[in-house]
C-alpha atoms as a PDB file:
ATOM      1  CA  MET A   1      13.036  11.126   0.428  1.00  0.00           C
ATOM      2  CA  ILE A   2      11.676   7.557  -0.287  1.00  0.00           C
ATOM      3  CA  ARG A   3      13.147   4.184  -0.814  1.00  0.00           C
ATOM      4  CA  ILE A   4      11.020   1.523  -2.594  1.00  0.00           C
ATOM      5  CA  MET A   5      12.217  -2.125  -2.855  1.00  0.00           C
ATOM      6  CA  THR A   6      10.318  -4.926  -4.436  1.00  0.00           C
ATOM      7  CA  ALA A   7      10.904  -8.614  -3.596  1.00  0.00           C
ATOM      8  CA  GLU A   8       9.413 -11.623  -5.382  1.00  0.00           C
ATOM      9  CA  ARG A   9       8.475 -14.363  -2.952  1.00  0.00           C
ATOM     10  CA  PRO A  10       6.895 -17.786  -3.751  1.00  0.00           C
ATOM     11  CA  ALA A  11       3.470 -16.618  -2.431  1.00  0.00           C
ATOM     12  CA  ARG A  12       3.341 -13.011  -3.408  1.00  0.00           C
ATOM     13  CA  THR A  13       5.261  -9.788  -4.478  1.00  0.00           C
ATOM     14  CA  ILE A  14       6.136  -7.498  -1.588  1.00  0.00           C
ATOM     15  CA  THR A  15       6.874  -3.804  -2.101  1.00  0.00           C
ATOM     16  CA  THR A  16       8.530  -2.204   0.866  1.00  0.00           C
ATOM     17  CA  VAL A  17       8.508   1.371   1.538  1.00  0.00           C
ATOM     18  CA  ASP A  18      10.906   3.600   3.772  1.00  0.00           C
ATOM     19  CA  GLY A  19      10.687   7.349   4.170  1.00  0.00           C
ATOM     20  CA  LEU A  20       7.999   9.853   3.238  1.00  0.00           C
ATOM     21  CA  LEU A  21       4.983   8.695   1.463  1.00  0.00           C
ATOM     22  CA  SER A  22       4.083  12.217   0.047  1.00  0.00           C
ATOM     23  CA  GLY A  23       4.213  14.421  -2.875  1.00  0.00           C
ATOM     24  CA  GLU A  24       5.536  13.035  -6.143  1.00  0.00           C
ATOM     25  CA  SER A  25       7.019   9.952  -4.419  1.00  0.00           C
ATOM     26  CA  VAL A  26       3.481   8.404  -4.158  1.00  0.00           C
ATOM     27  CA  GLU A  27       3.218   7.894  -7.842  1.00  0.00           C
ATOM     28  CA  SER A  28       6.360   5.722  -7.790  1.00  0.00           C
ATOM     29  CA  VAL A  29       4.781   3.549  -5.076  1.00  0.00           C
ATOM     30  CA  GLU A  30       1.524   3.128  -6.940  1.00  0.00           C
ATOM     31  CA  THR A  31       3.548   2.212 -10.030  1.00  0.00           C
ATOM     32  CA  CYS A  32       5.478  -0.395  -8.328  1.00  0.00           C
ATOM     33  CA  CYS A  33       2.310  -1.847  -6.809  1.00  0.00           C
ATOM     34  CA  ILE A  34       0.418  -1.854  -9.916  1.00  0.00           C
ATOM     35  CA  GLN A  35       3.257  -3.664 -11.803  1.00  0.00           C
ATOM     36  CA  ALA A  36       3.244  -6.319  -8.993  1.00  0.00           C
ATOM     37  CA  LEU A  37      -0.416  -6.891  -9.419  1.00  0.00           C
ATOM     38  CA  SER A  38      -0.229  -7.261 -13.193  1.00  0.00           C
ATOM     39  CA  LYS A  39       1.825 -10.326 -12.629  1.00  0.00           C
ATOM     40  CA  GLY A  40      -1.300 -12.226 -11.618  1.00  0.00           C
ATOM     41  CA  ARG A  41       0.010 -12.976  -8.007  1.00  0.00           C
ATOM     42  CA  PRO A  42      -1.044 -11.582  -4.771  1.00  0.00           C
ATOM     43  CA  ALA A  43       0.862  -8.326  -3.648  1.00  0.00           C
ATOM     44  CA  ARG A  44       1.689  -6.700  -0.566  1.00  0.00           C
ATOM     45  CA  LEU A  45       2.650  -3.126   0.455  1.00  0.00           C
ATOM     46  CA  TYR A  46       4.754  -2.983   3.443  1.00  0.00           C
ATOM     47  CA  LEU A  47       5.157   0.430   5.058  1.00  0.00           C
ATOM     48  CA  ARG A  48       8.357  -0.404   7.042  1.00  0.00           C
ATOM     49  CA  ASP A  49       9.808   2.882   7.978  1.00  0.00           C
ATOM     50  CA  VAL A  50       7.305   5.338   6.693  1.00  0.00           C
ATOM     51  CA  PHE A  51       7.298   8.348   8.952  1.00  0.00           C
ATOM     52  CA  ALA A  52       4.842  10.867   7.141  1.00  0.00           C
ATOM     53  CA  ILE A  53       1.928  10.258   4.929  1.00  0.00           C
ATOM     54  CA  ASP A  54       0.230  13.088   3.431  1.00  0.00           C
ATOM     55  CA  GLU A  55      -3.379  13.164   1.891  1.00  0.00           C
ATOM     56  CA  ARG A  56      -2.131  12.245  -1.345  1.00  0.00           C
ATOM     57  CA  GLY A  57      -0.342   9.102   0.123  1.00  0.00           C
ATOM     58  CA  ARG A  58      -3.704   8.137   2.026  1.00  0.00           C
ATOM     59  CA  SER A  59      -5.457   8.483  -1.174  1.00  0.00           C
ATOM     60  CA  ILE A  60      -3.121   6.193  -3.017  1.00  0.00           C
ATOM     61  CA  LEU A  61      -3.269   3.633  -0.088  1.00  0.00           C
ATOM     62  CA  ARG A  62      -7.131   3.583  -0.317  1.00  0.00           C
ATOM     63  CA  ARG A  63      -6.931   2.870  -4.012  1.00  0.00           C
ATOM     64  CA  LEU A  64      -4.368   0.191  -3.855  1.00  0.00           C
ATOM     65  CA  ALA A  65      -6.306  -1.415  -1.088  1.00  0.00           C
ATOM     66  CA  ALA A  66      -9.333  -1.494  -3.137  1.00  0.00           C
ATOM     67  CA  GLU A  67      -7.423  -2.975  -6.100  1.00  0.00           C
ATOM     68  CA  GLY A  68      -6.534  -5.853  -3.918  1.00  0.00           C
ATOM     69  CA  ILE A  69      -2.987  -4.928  -2.566  1.00  0.00           C
ATOM     70  CA  ASP A  70      -2.568  -6.236   1.040  1.00  0.00           C
ATOM     71  CA  LEU A  71      -1.388  -3.311   3.304  1.00  0.00           C
ATOM     72  CA  THR A  72       0.865  -3.866   6.222  1.00  0.00           C
ATOM     73  CA  ALA A  73       2.811  -1.382   8.286  1.00  0.00           C
ATOM     74  CA  ASN A  74       5.361  -1.041  11.030  1.00  0.00           C
ATOM     75  CA  GLY A  75       5.155   1.646  13.619  1.00  0.00           C
ATOM     76  CA  VAL A  76       2.297   3.284  15.425  1.00  0.00           C
ATOM     77  CA  TYR A  77       1.478   6.002  12.842  1.00  0.00           C
ATOM     78  CA  SER A  78       1.642   3.982   9.734  1.00  0.00           C
ATOM     79  CA  SER A  79      -0.245   1.041  11.317  1.00  0.00           C
ATOM     80  CA  TYR A  80      -2.816   3.459  12.389  1.00  0.00           C
ATOM     81  CA  ILE A  81      -3.286   4.772   8.908  1.00  0.00           C
ATOM     82  CA  VAL A  82      -3.290   1.323   7.300  1.00  0.00           C
ATOM     83  CA  ASP A  83      -5.900   0.053   9.960  1.00  0.00           C
ATOM     84  CA  LYS A  84      -8.247   2.905   9.240  1.00  0.00           C
ATOM     85  CA  ILE A  85      -8.127   2.096   5.411  1.00  0.00           C
ATOM     86  CA  GLN A  86      -8.660  -1.489   5.927  1.00  0.00           C
ATOM     87  CA  SER A  87     -11.611  -0.970   8.191  1.00  0.00           C
ATOM     88  CA  ALA A  88     -13.071   1.449   5.735  1.00  0.00           C
ATOM     89  CA  ASN A  89     -12.787  -1.285   2.988  1.00  0.00           C
ATOM     90  CA  LEU A  90     -14.327  -3.995   5.131  1.00  0.00           C
ATOM     91  CA  SER A  91     -17.388  -1.944   5.876  1.00  0.00           C
ATOM     92  CA  LYS A  92     -18.111  -0.984   2.116  1.00  0.00           C
ATOM     93  CA  PRO A  93     -21.034  -3.155   0.922  1.00  0.00           C
ATOM     94  CA  ARG A  94     -19.826  -5.603  -1.830  1.00  0.00           C
ATOM     95  CA  TYR A  95     -21.930  -5.830  -5.095  1.00  0.00           C
ATOM     96  CA  SER A  96     -23.092  -9.364  -5.731  1.00  0.00           C
ATOM     97  CA  PRO A  97     -25.483 -10.259  -8.675  1.00  0.00           C
END
Protein backbone atom coordinates (compact mmCIF):
# COMPACT_ATOMS: atom_id res chain seq x y z
CA MET A 1 0.00 0.00 0.00
CA ILE A 2 1.24 3.46 -0.87
CA ARG A 3 0.01 7.02 -0.61
CA ILE A 4 1.49 9.73 -2.84
CA MET A 5 0.73 13.43 -2.43
CA THR A 6 2.09 16.30 -4.50
CA ALA A 7 2.16 19.90 -3.28
CA GLU A 8 3.11 22.95 -5.29
CA ARG A 9 5.17 25.35 -3.18
CA PRO A 10 6.58 28.72 -4.29
CA ALA A 11 10.15 27.38 -4.41
CA ARG A 12 9.59 23.75 -5.51
CA THR A 13 7.20 20.86 -6.02
CA ILE A 14 7.18 18.38 -3.14
CA THR A 15 6.05 14.78 -3.58
CA THR A 16 5.38 13.02 -0.28
CA VAL A 17 5.24 9.24 0.01
CA ASP A 18 3.82 7.08 2.80
CA GLY A 19 3.78 3.28 2.91
CA LEU A 20 5.72 0.71 0.89
CA LEU A 21 8.12 1.81 -1.83
CA SER A 22 8.15 -1.52 -3.59
CA GLY A 23 6.71 -3.47 -6.47
CA GLU A 24 4.39 -1.72 -8.89
CA SER A 25 3.92 1.31 -6.64
CA VAL A 26 7.46 2.41 -7.49
CA GLU A 27 6.40 3.39 -11.00
CA SER A 28 3.73 5.74 -9.64
CA VAL A 29 6.30 7.55 -7.52
CA GLU A 30 8.63 7.88 -10.48
CA THR A 31 5.84 9.24 -12.68
CA CYS A 32 4.87 11.88 -10.10
CA CYS A 33 8.49 13.00 -9.70
CA ILE A 34 9.16 13.20 -13.44
CA GLN A 35 5.96 15.24 -13.87
CA ALA A 36 7.16 17.58 -11.11
CA LEU A 37 10.52 18.06 -12.85
CA SER A 38 8.85 18.70 -16.20
CA LYS A 39 7.41 21.93 -14.78
CA GLY A 40 10.91 23.42 -14.85
CA ARG A 41 11.09 23.95 -11.09
CA PRO A 42 13.11 22.18 -8.41
CA ALA A 43 11.46 19.03 -7.09
CA ARG A 44 11.76 17.15 -3.82
CA LEU A 45 10.74 13.60 -2.94
CA TYR A 46 9.95 13.27 0.75
CA LEU A 47 9.74 9.74 2.15
CA ARG A 48 7.62 10.57 5.18
CA ASP A 49 6.32 7.27 6.53
CA VAL A 50 7.98 4.76 4.25
CA PHE A 51 8.65 1.56 6.17
CA ALA A 52 9.97 -0.70 3.40
CA ILE A 53 11.99 -0.09 0.23
CA ASP A 54 12.81 -3.01 -2.04
CA GLU A 55 15.61 -3.12 -4.64
CA ARG A 56 13.27 -1.71 -7.29
CA GLY A 57 12.49 1.21 -4.98
CA ARG A 58 16.18 1.87 -4.31
CA SER A 59 16.86 1.77 -8.04
CA ILE A 60 14.16 4.39 -8.70
CA LEU A 61 15.51 6.58 -5.91
CA ARG A 62 18.99 6.43 -7.44
CA ARG A 63 17.63 7.39 -10.87
CA LEU A 64 15.52 10.22 -9.48
CA ALA A 65 18.48 11.61 -7.53
CA ALA A 66 20.57 11.47 -10.71
CA GLU A 67 17.82 13.39 -12.53
CA GLY A 68 18.02 16.19 -9.96
CA ILE A 69 15.24 15.29 -7.53
CA ASP A 70 16.14 16.31 -3.96
CA LEU A 71 15.56 13.29 -1.69
CA THR A 72 14.61 13.67 1.97
CA ALA A 73 13.30 11.14 4.45
CA ASN A 74 11.84 10.74 7.89
CA GLY A 75 12.77 7.78 10.07
CA VAL A 76 15.96 5.82 10.55
CA TYR A 77 15.49 3.27 7.76
CA SER A 78 14.41 5.66 5.00
CA SER A 79 16.96 8.28 6.04
CA TYR A 80 19.73 5.69 5.87
CA ILE A 81 18.74 4.65 2.32
CA VAL A 82 18.51 8.29 1.18
CA ASP A 83 21.86 9.17 2.76
CA LYS A 84 23.56 6.25 0.99
CA ILE A 85 22.10 7.28 -2.37
CA GLN A 86 23.06 10.92 -1.94
CA SER A 87 26.58 10.00 -0.81
CA ALA A 88 27.03 7.82 -3.89
CA ASN A 89 25.85 10.66 -6.16
CA LEU A 90 28.30 13.11 -4.56
CA SER A 91 31.23 10.76 -5.03
CA LYS A 92 30.58 10.26 -8.76
CA PRO A 93 32.93 12.29 -10.94
CA ARG A 94 31.13 14.92 -12.95
CA TYR A 95 31.93 15.43 -16.60
CA SER A 96 33.14 18.90 -17.44
CA PRO A 97 34.25 19.90 -20.95
